[in-house]
Amino acid sequence: MGLLTPERRGTQRFYQERDRVRLQLILRGRRLGFGLRDIREMMDLYDADPTEVTQLQDVIRRGDAKLGELQSQVEELQTIMAEMLELRATMQRRLNRILQGEE
């Protein structure tokens, strides 16, 4: 994807400090759920705007969108957990009745 551009000498690659920083940013972006295309776009903005204003605004916008997605996922998981707990309690009550000879 062209995210890293190490110097090449024959078959060896030599990574500069800039490449190491970019790799850390790539790994952080992936851990936070961003795709490589998103990461590349954010890095391209950094390269295009030395003031970082455009990049920072874009990262904040993308981060807010990702936070919204995560909040939706958390809410969905909480709903599923509540349903599972309710189902488990119902099954446990039924099992208890069976074991006590009530059914």
PDB file of N, CA and C in Angstrom:
ATOM      1  N   MET A   1       0.825  -1.207   0.000  1.00  0.00           N
ATOM      2  CA  MET A   1       0.000   0.000   0.000  1.00  0.00           C
ATOM      3  C   MET A   1       0.861   1.260   0.000  1.00  0.00           C
ATOM      4  N   GLY A   2       2.168   1.085   0.088  1.00  0.00           N
ATOM      5  CA  GLY A   2       3.041   2.254   0.050  1.00  0.00           C
ATOM      6  C   GLY A   2       3.089   3.038   1.350  1.00  0.00           C
ATOM      7  N   LEU A   3       2.674   2.414   2.452  1.00  0.00           N
ATOM      8  CA  LEU A   3       2.690   3.119   3.730  1.00  0.00           C
ATOM      9  C   LEU A   3       4.108   3.302   4.263  1.00  0.00           C
ATOM     10  N   LEU A   4       4.978   2.382   3.935  1.00  0.00           N
ATOM     11  CA  LEU A   4       6.374   2.468   4.334  1.00  0.00           C
ATOM     12  C   LEU A   4       7.237   2.446   3.080  1.00  0.00           C
ATOM     13  N   THR A   5       8.284   3.235   3.094  1.00  0.00           N
ATOM     14  CA  THR A   5       9.179   3.281   1.937  1.00  0.00           C
ATOM     15  C   THR A   5      10.623   3.155   2.407  1.00  0.00           C
ATOM     16  N   PRO A   6      10.986   1.943   2.823  1.00  0.00           N
ATOM     17  CA  PRO A   6      12.357   1.761   3.307  1.00  0.00           C
ATOM     18  C   PRO A   6      13.362   1.845   2.159  1.00  0.00           C
ATOM     19  N   GLU A   7      14.568   2.244   2.521  1.00  0.00           N
ATOM     20  CA  GLU A   7      15.659   2.246   1.557  1.00  0.00           C
ATOM     21  C   GLU A   7      16.015   0.792   1.264  1.00  0.00           C
ATOM     22  N   ARG A   8      16.334   0.504   0.012  1.00  0.00           N
ATOM     23  CA  ARG A   8      16.685  -0.863  -0.366  1.00  0.00           C
ATOM     24  C   ARG A   8      18.119  -0.909  -0.862  1.00  0.00           C
ATOM     25  N   ARG A   9      18.806  -1.939  -0.374  1.00  0.00           N
ATOM     26  CA  ARG A   9      20.158  -2.228  -0.855  1.00  0.00           C
ATOM     27  C   ARG A   9      20.172  -3.708  -1.186  1.00  0.00           C
ATOM     28  N   GLY A  10      20.024  -3.990  -2.449  1.00  0.00           N
ATOM     29  CA  GLY A  10      19.885  -5.382  -2.872  1.00  0.00           C
ATOM     30  C   GLY A  10      18.555  -5.906  -2.370  1.00  0.00           C
ATOM     31  N   THR A  11      18.604  -6.996  -1.613  1.00  0.00           N
ATOM     32  CA  THR A  11      17.364  -7.573  -1.090  1.00  0.00           C
ATOM     33  C   THR A  11      17.061  -7.103   0.326  1.00  0.00           C
ATOM     34  N   GLN A  12      17.967  -6.292   0.891  1.00  0.00           N
ATOM     35  CA  GLN A  12      17.765  -5.810   2.256  1.00  0.00           C
ATOM     36  C   GLN A  12      17.007  -4.493   2.262  1.00  0.00           C
ATOM     37  N   ARG A  13      16.217  -4.320   3.320  1.00  0.00           N
ATOM     38  CA  ARG A  13      15.489  -3.069   3.525  1.00  0.00           C
ATOM     39  C   ARG A  13      16.055  -2.391   4.758  1.00  0.00           C
ATOM     40  N   PHE A  14      16.255  -1.103   4.651  1.00  0.00           N
ATOM     41  CA  PHE A  14      16.761  -0.323   5.767  1.00  0.00           C
ATOM     42  C   PHE A  14      15.702   0.714   6.144  1.00  0.00           C
ATOM     43  N   TYR A  15      15.229   0.613   7.372  1.00  0.00           N
ATOM     44  CA  TYR A  15      14.167   1.490   7.849  1.00  0.00           C
ATOM     45  C   TYR A  15      14.764   2.648   8.642  1.00  0.00           C
ATOM     46  N   GLN A  16      14.348   3.836   8.278  1.00  0.00           N
ATOM     47  CA  GLN A  16      14.777   5.036   8.981  1.00  0.00           C
ATOM     48  C   GLN A  16      13.832   5.299  10.157  1.00  0.00           C
ATOM     49  N   GLU A  17      14.174   6.275  10.973  1.00  0.00           N
ATOM     50  CA  GLU A  17      13.337   6.634  12.123  1.00  0.00           C
ATOM     51  C   GLU A  17      11.917   6.998  11.668  1.00  0.00           C
ATOM     52  N   ARG A  18      11.805   7.702  10.552  1.00  0.00           N
ATOM     53  CA  ARG A  18      10.480   8.075  10.020  1.00  0.00           C
ATOM     54  C   ARG A  18       9.634   6.837   9.743  1.00  0.00           C
ATOM     55  N   ASP A  19      10.264   5.802   9.197  1.00  0.00           N
ATOM     56  CA  ASP A  19       9.553   4.555   8.911  1.00  0.00           C
ATOM     57  C   ASP A  19       9.090   3.885  10.200  1.00  0.00           C
ATOM     58  N   ARG A  20       9.929   3.936  11.226  1.00  0.00           N
ATOM     59  CA  ARG A  20       9.557   3.326  12.511  1.00  0.00           C
ATOM     60  C   ARG A  20       8.351   4.040  13.118  1.00  0.00           C
ATOM     61  N   VAL A  21       8.369   5.364  13.040  1.00  0.00           N
ATOM     62  CA  VAL A  21       7.234   6.142  13.558  1.00  0.00           C
ATOM     63  C   VAL A  21       5.978   5.811  12.765  1.00  0.00           C
ATOM     64  N   ARG A  22       6.105   5.756  11.452  1.00  0.00           N
ATOM     65  CA  ARG A  22       4.953   5.427  10.616  1.00  0.00           C
ATOM     66  C   ARG A  22       4.430   4.024  10.938  1.00  0.00           C
ATOM     67  N   LEU A  23       5.324   3.070  11.177  1.00  0.00           N
ATOM     68  CA  LEU A  23       4.913   1.716  11.527  1.00  0.00           C
ATOM     69  C   LEU A  23       4.136   1.721  12.839  1.00  0.00           C
ATOM     70  N   GLN A  24       4.607   2.476  13.822  1.00  0.00           N
ATOM     71  CA  GLN A  24       3.877   2.577  15.087  1.00  0.00           C
ATOM     72  C   GLN A  24       2.481   3.159  14.872  1.00  0.00           C
ATOM     73  N   LEU A  25       2.387   4.173  14.021  1.00  0.00           N
ATOM     74  CA  LEU A  25       1.080   4.771  13.726  1.00  0.00           C
ATOM     75  C   LEU A  25       0.175   3.775  13.004  1.00  0.00           C
ATOM     76  N   ILE A  26       0.739   3.011  12.095  1.00  0.00           N
ATOM     77  CA  ILE A  26      -0.030   1.995  11.369  1.00  0.00           C
ATOM     78  C   ILE A  26      -0.577   0.958  12.346  1.00  0.00           C
ATOM     79  N   LEU A  27       0.285   0.471  13.224  1.00  0.00           N
ATOM     80  CA  LEU A  27      -0.137  -0.551  14.194  1.00  0.00           C
ATOM     81  C   LEU A  27      -1.198   0.000  15.142  1.00  0.00           C
ATOM     82  N   ARG A  28      -1.040   1.237  15.582  1.00  0.00           N
ATOM     83  CA  ARG A  28      -2.050   1.844  16.450  1.00  0.00           C
ATOM     84  C   ARG A  28      -3.371   1.993  15.700  1.00  0.00           C
ATOM     85  N   GLY A  29      -3.292   2.455  14.462  1.00  0.00           N
ATOM     86  CA  GLY A  29      -4.507   2.609  13.663  1.00  0.00           C
ATOM     87  C   GLY A  29      -5.234   1.286  13.484  1.00  0.00           C
ATOM     88  N   ARG A  30      -4.480   0.220  13.214  1.00  0.00           N
ATOM     89  CA  ARG A  30      -5.096  -1.110  13.048  1.00  0.00           C
ATOM     90  C   ARG A  30      -5.734  -1.568  14.356  1.00  0.00           C
ATOM     91  N   ARG A  31      -5.028  -1.345  15.482  1.00  0.00           N
ATOM     92  CA  ARG A  31      -5.552  -1.756  16.783  1.00  0.00           C
ATOM     93  C   ARG A  31      -6.851  -1.012  17.102  1.00  0.00           C
ATOM     94  N   LEU A  32      -6.959   0.225  16.640  1.00  0.00           N
ATOM     95  CA  LEU A  32      -8.161   1.018  16.879  1.00  0.00           C
ATOM     96  C   LEU A  32      -9.272   0.731  15.868  1.00  0.00           C
ATOM     97  N   GLY A  33      -8.982  -0.159  14.925  1.00  0.00           N
ATOM     98  CA  GLY A  33     -10.021  -0.587  13.997  1.00  0.00           C
ATOM     99  C   GLY A  33     -10.048   0.117  12.661  1.00  0.00           C
ATOM    100  N   PHE A  34      -9.026   0.900  12.358  1.00  0.00           N
ATOM    101  CA  PHE A  34      -8.993   1.577  11.066  1.00  0.00           C
ATOM    102  C   PHE A  34      -8.386   0.659  10.018  1.00  0.00           C
ATOM    103  N   GLY A  35      -8.892   0.755   8.806  1.00  0.00           N
ATOM    104  CA  GLY A  35      -8.354  -0.012   7.698  1.00  0.00           C
ATOM    105  C   GLY A  35      -7.100   0.655   7.149  1.00  0.00           C
ATOM    106  N   LEU A  36      -6.350  -0.094   6.371  1.00  0.00           N
ATOM    107  CA  LEU A  36      -5.114   0.451   5.811  1.00  0.00           C
ATOM    108  C   LEU A  36      -5.380   1.644   4.901  1.00  0.00           C
ATOM    109  N   ARG A  37      -6.500   1.631   4.211  1.00  0.00           N
ATOM    110  CA  ARG A  37      -6.842   2.767   3.340  1.00  0.00           C
ATOM    111  C   ARG A  37      -7.030   4.027   4.178  1.00  0.00           C
ATOM    112  N   ASP A  38      -7.768   3.904   5.308  1.00  0.00           N
ATOM    113  CA  ASP A  38      -7.964   5.048   6.196  1.00  0.00           C
ATOM    114  C   ASP A  38      -6.627   5.555   6.734  1.00  0.00           C
ATOM    115  N   ILE A  39      -5.791   4.620   7.141  1.00  0.00           N
ATOM    116  CA  ILE A  39      -4.488   4.986   7.705  1.00  0.00           C
ATOM    117  C   ILE A  39      -3.652   5.711   6.655  1.00  0.00           C
ATOM    118  N   ARG A  40      -3.678   5.194   5.443  1.00  0.00           N
ATOM    119  CA  ARG A  40      -2.912   5.843   4.371  1.00  0.00           C
ATOM    120  C   ARG A  40      -3.423   7.255   4.125  1.00  0.00           C
ATOM    121  N   GLU A  41      -4.737   7.429   4.087  1.00  0.00           N
ATOM    122  CA  GLU A  41      -5.310   8.764   3.864  1.00  0.00           C
ATOM    123  C   GLU A  41      -4.887   9.729   4.970  1.00  0.00           C
ATOM    124  N   MET A  42      -4.904   9.254   6.212  1.00  0.00           N
ATOM    125  CA  MET A  42      -4.493  10.115   7.319  1.00  0.00           C
ATOM    126  C   MET A  42      -3.010  10.473   7.219  1.00  0.00           C
ATOM    127  N   MET A  43      -2.195   9.511   6.837  1.00  0.00           N
ATOM    128  CA  MET A  43      -0.759   9.787   6.695  1.00  0.00           C
ATOM    129  C   MET A  43      -0.487  10.719   5.518  1.00  0.00           C
ATOM    130  N   ASP A  44      -1.231  10.547   4.442  1.00  0.00           N
ATOM    131  CA  ASP A  44      -1.061  11.427   3.286  1.00  0.00           C
ATOM    132  C   ASP A  44      -1.374  12.873   3.668  1.00  0.00           C
ATOM    133  N   LEU A  45      -2.393  13.063   4.515  1.00  0.00           N
ATOM    134  CA  LEU A  45      -2.718  14.413   4.970  1.00  0.00           C
ATOM    135  C   LEU A  45      -1.561  15.005   5.775  1.00  0.00           C
ATOM    136  N   TYR A  46      -0.933  14.175   6.596  1.00  0.00           N
ATOM    137  CA  TYR A  46       0.205  14.643   7.386  1.00  0.00           C
ATOM    138  C   TYR A  46       1.336  15.094   6.466  1.00  0.00           C
ATOM    139  N   ASP A  47       1.593  14.297   5.429  1.00  0.00           N
ATOM    140  CA  ASP A  47       2.668  14.641   4.489  1.00  0.00           C
ATOM    141  C   ASP A  47       2.337  15.909   3.704  1.00  0.00           C
ATOM    142  N   ALA A  48       1.055  16.141   3.429  1.00  0.00           N
ATOM    143  CA  ALA A  48       0.642  17.278   2.611  1.00  0.00           C
ATOM    144  C   ALA A  48       0.557  18.580   3.408  1.00  0.00           C
ATOM    145  N   ASP A  49       0.357  18.491   4.727  1.00  0.00           N
ATOM    146  CA  ASP A  49       0.136  19.686   5.536  1.00  0.00           C
ATOM    147  C   ASP A  49       1.086  19.689   6.732  1.00  0.00           C
ATOM    148  N   PRO A  50       2.217  20.377   6.625  1.00  0.00           N
ATOM    149  CA  PRO A  50       3.189  20.365   7.720  1.00  0.00           C
ATOM    150  C   PRO A  50       2.661  20.997   9.008  1.00  0.00           C
ATOM    151  N   THR A  51       1.600  21.796   8.932  1.00  0.00           N
ATOM    152  CA  THR A  51       1.025  22.387  10.144  1.00  0.00           C
ATOM    153  C   THR A  51       0.239  21.358  10.945  1.00  0.00           C
ATOM    154  N   GLU A  52      -0.121  20.249  10.321  1.00  0.00           N
ATOM    155  CA  GLU A  52      -0.877  19.146  10.918  1.00  0.00           C
ATOM    156  C   GLU A  52      -2.339  19.474  11.188  1.00  0.00           C
ATOM    157  N   VAL A  53      -2.774  20.684  10.877  1.00  0.00           N
ATOM    158  CA  VAL A  53      -4.152  21.088  11.174  1.00  0.00           C
ATOM    159  C   VAL A  53      -5.144  20.198  10.452  1.00  0.00           C
ATOM    160  N   THR A  54      -4.961  20.027   9.158  1.00  0.00           N
ATOM    161  CA  THR A  54      -5.890  19.211   8.367  1.00  0.00           C
ATOM    162  C   THR A  54      -5.896  17.773   8.861  1.00  0.00           C
ATOM    163  N   GLN A  55      -4.711  17.243   9.130  1.00  0.00           N
ATOM    164  CA  GLN A  55      -4.621  15.856   9.610  1.00  0.00           C
ATOM    165  C   GLN A  55      -5.318  15.710  10.954  1.00  0.00           C
ATOM    166  N   LEU A  56      -5.065  16.620  11.865  1.00  0.00           N
ATOM    167  CA  LEU A  56      -5.674  16.527  13.190  1.00  0.00           C
ATOM    168  C   LEU A  56      -7.195  16.606  13.112  1.00  0.00           C
ATOM    169  N   GLN A  57      -7.696  17.510  12.270  1.00  0.00           N
ATOM    170  CA  GLN A  57      -9.152  17.614  12.095  1.00  0.00           C
ATOM    171  C   GLN A  57      -9.716  16.313  11.533  1.00  0.00           C
ATOM    172  N   ASP A  58      -9.023  15.737  10.570  1.00  0.00           N
ATOM    173  CA  ASP A  58      -9.482  14.495   9.954  1.00  0.00           C
ATOM    174  C   ASP A  58      -9.439  13.334  10.946  1.00  0.00           C
ATOM    175  N   VAL A  59      -8.364  13.249  11.718  1.00  0.00           N
ATOM    176  CA  VAL A  59      -8.247  12.164  12.700  1.00  0.00           C
ATOM    177  C   VAL A  59      -9.348  12.290  13.752  1.00  0.00           C
ATOM    178  N   ILE A  60      -9.635  13.512  14.184  1.00  0.00           N
ATOM    179  CA  ILE A  60     -10.718  13.724  15.154  1.00  0.00           C
ATOM    180  C   ILE A  60     -12.047  13.289  14.557  1.00  0.00           C
ATOM    181  N   ARG A  61     -12.299  13.665  13.315  1.00  0.00           N
ATOM    182  CA  ARG A  61     -13.563  13.289  12.655  1.00  0.00           C
ATOM    183  C   ARG A  61     -13.673  11.773  12.539  1.00  0.00           C
ATOM    184  N   ARG A  62     -12.597  11.129  12.082  1.00  0.00           N
ATOM    185  CA  ARG A  62     -12.624   9.678  11.947  1.00  0.00           C
ATOM    186  C   ARG A  62     -12.735   8.998  13.313  1.00  0.00           C
ATOM    187  N   GLY A  63     -12.047   9.546  14.303  1.00  0.00           N
ATOM    188  CA  GLY A  63     -12.123   8.998  15.653  1.00  0.00           C
ATOM    189  C   GLY A  63     -13.521   9.097  16.228  1.00  0.00           C
ATOM    190  N   ASP A  64     -14.180  10.228  15.998  1.00  0.00           N
ATOM    191  CA  ASP A  64     -15.566  10.382  16.466  1.00  0.00           C
ATOM    192  C   ASP A  64     -16.483   9.360  15.812  1.00  0.00           C
ATOM    193  N   ALA A  65     -16.288   9.135  14.517  1.00  0.00           N
ATOM    194  CA  ALA A  65     -17.104   8.140  13.812  1.00  0.00           C
ATOM    195  C   ALA A  65     -16.843   6.748  14.379  1.00  0.00           C
ATOM    196  N   LYS A  66     -15.572   6.433  14.641  1.00  0.00           N
ATOM    197  CA  LYS A  66     -15.216   5.123  15.198  1.00  0.00           C
ATOM    198  C   LYS A  66     -15.800   4.972  16.599  1.00  0.00           C
ATOM    199  N   LEU A  67     -15.766   6.032  17.399  1.00  0.00           N
ATOM    200  CA  LEU A  67     -16.366   5.987  18.737  1.00  0.00           C
ATOM    201  C   LEU A  67     -17.865   5.704  18.653  1.00  0.00           C
ATOM    202  N   GLY A  68     -18.533   6.306  17.676  1.00  0.00           N
ATOM    203  CA  GLY A  68     -19.955   6.039  17.485  1.00  0.00           C
ATOM    204  C   GLY A  68     -20.210   4.579  17.144  1.00  0.00           C
ATOM    205  N   GLU A  69     -19.377   4.023  16.280  1.00  0.00           N
ATOM    206  CA  GLU A  69     -19.507   2.607  15.923  1.00  0.00           C
ATOM    207  C   GLU A  69     -19.289   1.722  17.150  1.00  0.00           C
ATOM    208  N   LEU A  70     -18.266   2.036  17.921  1.00  0.00           N
ATOM    209  CA  LEU A  70     -17.969   1.241  19.115  1.00  0.00           C
ATOM    210  C   LEU A  70     -19.103   1.326  20.132  1.00  0.00           C
ATOM    211  N   GLN A  71     -19.675   2.529  20.292  1.00  0.00           N
ATOM    212  CA  GLN A  71     -20.789   2.684  21.229  1.00  0.00           C
ATOM    213  C   GLN A  71     -21.972   1.824  20.803  1.00  0.00           C
ATOM    214  N   SER A  72     -22.241   1.783  19.515  1.00  0.00           N
ATOM    215  CA  SER A  72     -23.327   0.937  19.004  1.00  0.00           C
ATOM    216  C   SER A  72     -23.040  -0.534  19.281  1.00  0.00           C
ATOM    217  N   GLN A  73     -21.798  -0.941  19.093  1.00  0.00           N
ATOM    218  CA  GLN A  73     -21.428  -2.331  19.352  1.00  0.00           C
ATOM    219  C   GLN A  73     -21.563  -2.671  20.833  1.00  0.00           C
ATOM    220  N   VAL A  74     -21.153  -1.742  21.695  1.00  0.00           N
ATOM    221  CA  VAL A  74     -21.275  -1.969  23.140  1.00  0.00           C
ATOM    222  C   VAL A  74     -22.739  -2.129  23.518  1.00  0.00           C
ATOM    223  N   GLU A  75     -23.593  -1.266  22.993  1.00  0.00           N
ATOM    224  CA  GLU A  75     -25.025  -1.357  23.299  1.00  0.00           C
ATOM    225  C   GLU A  75     -25.610  -2.665  22.813  1.00  0.00           C
ATOM    226  N   GLU A  76     -25.208  -3.093  21.618  1.00  0.00           N
ATOM    227  CA  GLU A  76     -25.698  -4.360  21.082  1.00  0.00           C
ATOM    228  C   GLU A  76     -25.240  -5.527  21.951  1.00  0.00           C
ATOM    229  N   LEU A  77     -23.986  -5.497  22.374  1.00  0.00           N
ATOM    230  CA  LEU A  77     -23.469  -6.555  23.250  1.00  0.00           C
ATOM    231  C   LEU A  77     -24.187  -6.563  24.596  1.00  0.00           C
ATOM    232  N   GLN A  78     -24.493  -5.397  25.130  1.00  0.00           N
ATOM    233  CA  GLN A  78     -25.216  -5.332  26.392  1.00  0.00           C
ATOM    234  C   GLN A  78     -26.614  -5.941  26.244  1.00  0.00           C
ATOM    235  N   THR A  79     -27.254  -5.693  25.126  1.00  0.00           N
ATOM    236  CA  THR A  79     -28.574  -6.278  24.870  1.00  0.00           C
ATOM    237  C   THR A  79     -28.472  -7.794  24.777  1.00  0.00           C
ATOM    238  N   ILE A  80     -27.484  -8.278  24.062  1.00  0.00           N
ATOM    239  CA  ILE A  80     -27.292  -9.726  23.924  1.00  0.00           C
ATOM    240  C   ILE A  80     -27.007 -10.352  25.284  1.00  0.00           C
ATOM    241  N   MET A  81     -26.162  -9.706  26.087  1.00  0.00           N
ATOM    242  CA  MET A  81     -25.853 -10.238  27.411  1.00  0.00           C
ATOM    243  C   MET A  81     -27.106 -10.305  28.285  1.00  0.00           C
ATOM    244  N   ALA A  82     -27.936  -9.276  28.234  1.00  0.00           N
ATOM    245  CA  ALA A  82     -29.172  -9.277  29.019  1.00  0.00           C
ATOM    246  C   ALA A  82     -30.078 -10.418  28.580  1.00  0.00           C
ATOM    247  N   GLU A  83     -30.197 -10.627  27.281  1.00  0.00           N
ATOM    248  CA  GLU A  83     -31.019 -11.731  26.762  1.00  0.00           C
ATOM    249  C   GLU A  83     -30.462 -13.077  27.205  1.00  0.00           C
ATOM    250  N   MET A  84     -29.134 -13.216  27.144  1.00  0.00           N
ATOM    251  CA  MET A  84     -28.510 -14.475  27.564  1.00  0.00           C
ATOM    252  C   MET A  84     -28.741 -14.735  29.044  1.00  0.00           C
ATOM    253  N   LEU A  85     -28.610 -13.702  29.861  1.00  0.00           N
ATOM    254  CA  LEU A  85     -28.830 -13.863  31.302  1.00  0.00           C
ATOM    255  C   LEU A  85     -30.282 -14.234  31.600  1.00  0.00           C
ATOM    256  N   GLU A  86     -31.207 -13.613  30.884  1.00  0.00           N
ATOM    257  CA  GLU A  86     -32.621 -13.927  31.065  1.00  0.00           C
ATOM    258  C   GLU A  86     -32.906 -15.363  30.653  1.00  0.00           C
ATOM    259  N   LEU A  87     -32.363 -15.782  29.525  1.00  0.00           N
ATOM    260  CA  LEU A  87     -32.550 -17.153  29.047  1.00  0.00           C
ATOM    261  C   LEU A  87     -31.939 -18.148  30.034  1.00  0.00           C
ATOM    262  N   ARG A  88     -30.757 -17.845  30.531  1.00  0.00           N
ATOM    263  CA  ARG A  88     -30.113 -18.733  31.495  1.00  0.00           C
ATOM    264  C   ARG A  88     -30.959 -18.870  32.753  1.00  0.00           C
ATOM    265  N   ALA A  89     -31.485 -17.760  33.251  1.00  0.00           N
ATOM    266  CA  ALA A  89     -32.312 -17.803  34.465  1.00  0.00           C
ATOM    267  C   ALA A  89     -33.563 -18.640  34.229  1.00  0.00           C
ATOM    268  N   THR A  90     -34.182 -18.494  33.064  1.00  0.00           N
ATOM    269  CA  THR A  90     -35.374 -19.280  32.732  1.00  0.00           C
ATOM    270  C   THR A  90     -35.031 -20.765  32.692  1.00  0.00           C
ATOM    271  N   MET A  91     -33.918 -21.109  32.053  1.00  0.00           N
ATOM    272  CA  MET A  91     -33.501 -22.512  31.963  1.00  0.00           C
ATOM    273  C   MET A  91     -33.148 -23.065  33.346  1.00  0.00           C
ATOM    274  N   GLN A  92     -32.508 -22.252  34.172  1.00  0.00           N
ATOM    275  CA  GLN A  92     -32.151 -22.694  35.518  1.00  0.00           C
ATOM    276  C   GLN A  92     -33.404 -22.963  36.358  1.00  0.00           C
ATOM    277  N   ARG A  93     -34.408 -22.098  36.243  1.00  0.00           N
ATOM    278  CA  ARG A  93     -35.662 -22.324  36.979  1.00  0.00           C
ATOM    279  C   ARG A  93     -36.332 -23.611  36.518  1.00  0.00           C
ATOM    280  N   ARG A  94     -36.337 -23.837  35.220  1.00  0.00           N
ATOM    281  CA  ARG A  94     -36.948 -25.058  34.688  1.00  0.00           C
ATOM    282  C   ARG A  94     -36.194 -26.288  35.172  1.00  0.00           C
ATOM    283  N   LEU A  95     -34.863 -26.235  35.125  1.00  0.00           N
ATOM    284  CA  LEU A  95     -34.057 -27.343  35.601  1.00  0.00           C
ATOM    285  C   LEU A  95     -34.326 -27.613  37.083  1.00  0.00           C
ATOM    286  N   ASN A  96     -34.403 -26.565  37.866  1.00  0.00           N
ATOM    287  CA  ASN A  96     -34.676 -26.740  39.298  1.00  0.00           C
ATOM    288  C   ASN A  96     -36.026 -27.421  39.531  1.00  0.00           C
ATOM    289  N   ARG A  97     -37.049 -27.032  38.758  1.00  0.00           N
ATOM    290  CA  ARG A  97     -38.372 -27.654  38.893  1.00  0.00           C
ATOM    291  C   ARG A  97     -38.313 -29.133  38.522  1.00  0.00           C
ATOM    292  N   ILE A  98     -37.593 -29.453  37.455  1.00  0.00           N
ATOM    293  CA  ILE A  98     -37.459 -30.841  37.040  1.00  0.00           C
ATOM    294  C   ILE A  98     -36.765 -31.652  38.119  1.00  0.00           C
ATOM    295  N   LEU A  99     -35.679 -31.117  38.641  1.00  0.00           N
ATOM    296  CA  LEU A  99     -34.916 -31.841  39.663  1.00  0.00           C
ATOM    297  C   LEU A  99     -35.701 -31.997  40.977  1.00  0.00           C
ATOM    298  N   GLN A 100     -36.629 -31.103  41.213  1.00  0.00           N
ATOM    299  CA  GLN A 100     -37.449 -31.189  42.428  1.00  0.00           C
ATOM    300  C   GLN A 100     -38.698 -32.017  42.182  1.00  0.00           C
ATOM    301  N   GLY A 101     -38.841 -32.540  40.971  1.00  0.00           N
ATOM    302  CA  GLY A 101     -39.974 -33.404  40.647  1.00  0.00           C
ATOM    303  C   GLY A 101     -41.268 -32.648  40.402  1.00  0.00           C
ATOM    304  N   GLU A 102     -41.168 -31.382  40.108  1.00  0.00           N
ATOM    305  CA  GLU A 102     -42.374 -30.585  39.888  1.00  0.00           C
ATOM    306  C   GLU A 102     -42.862 -30.685  38.455  1.00  0.00           C
ATOM    307  N   GLU A 103     -42.060 -31.219  37.571  1.00  0.00           N
ATOM    308  CA  GLU A 103     -42.496 -31.336  36.170  1.00  0.00           C
ATOM    309  C   GLU A 103     -42.556 -32.795  35.759  1.00  0.00           C
TER     310      GLU A 103
END
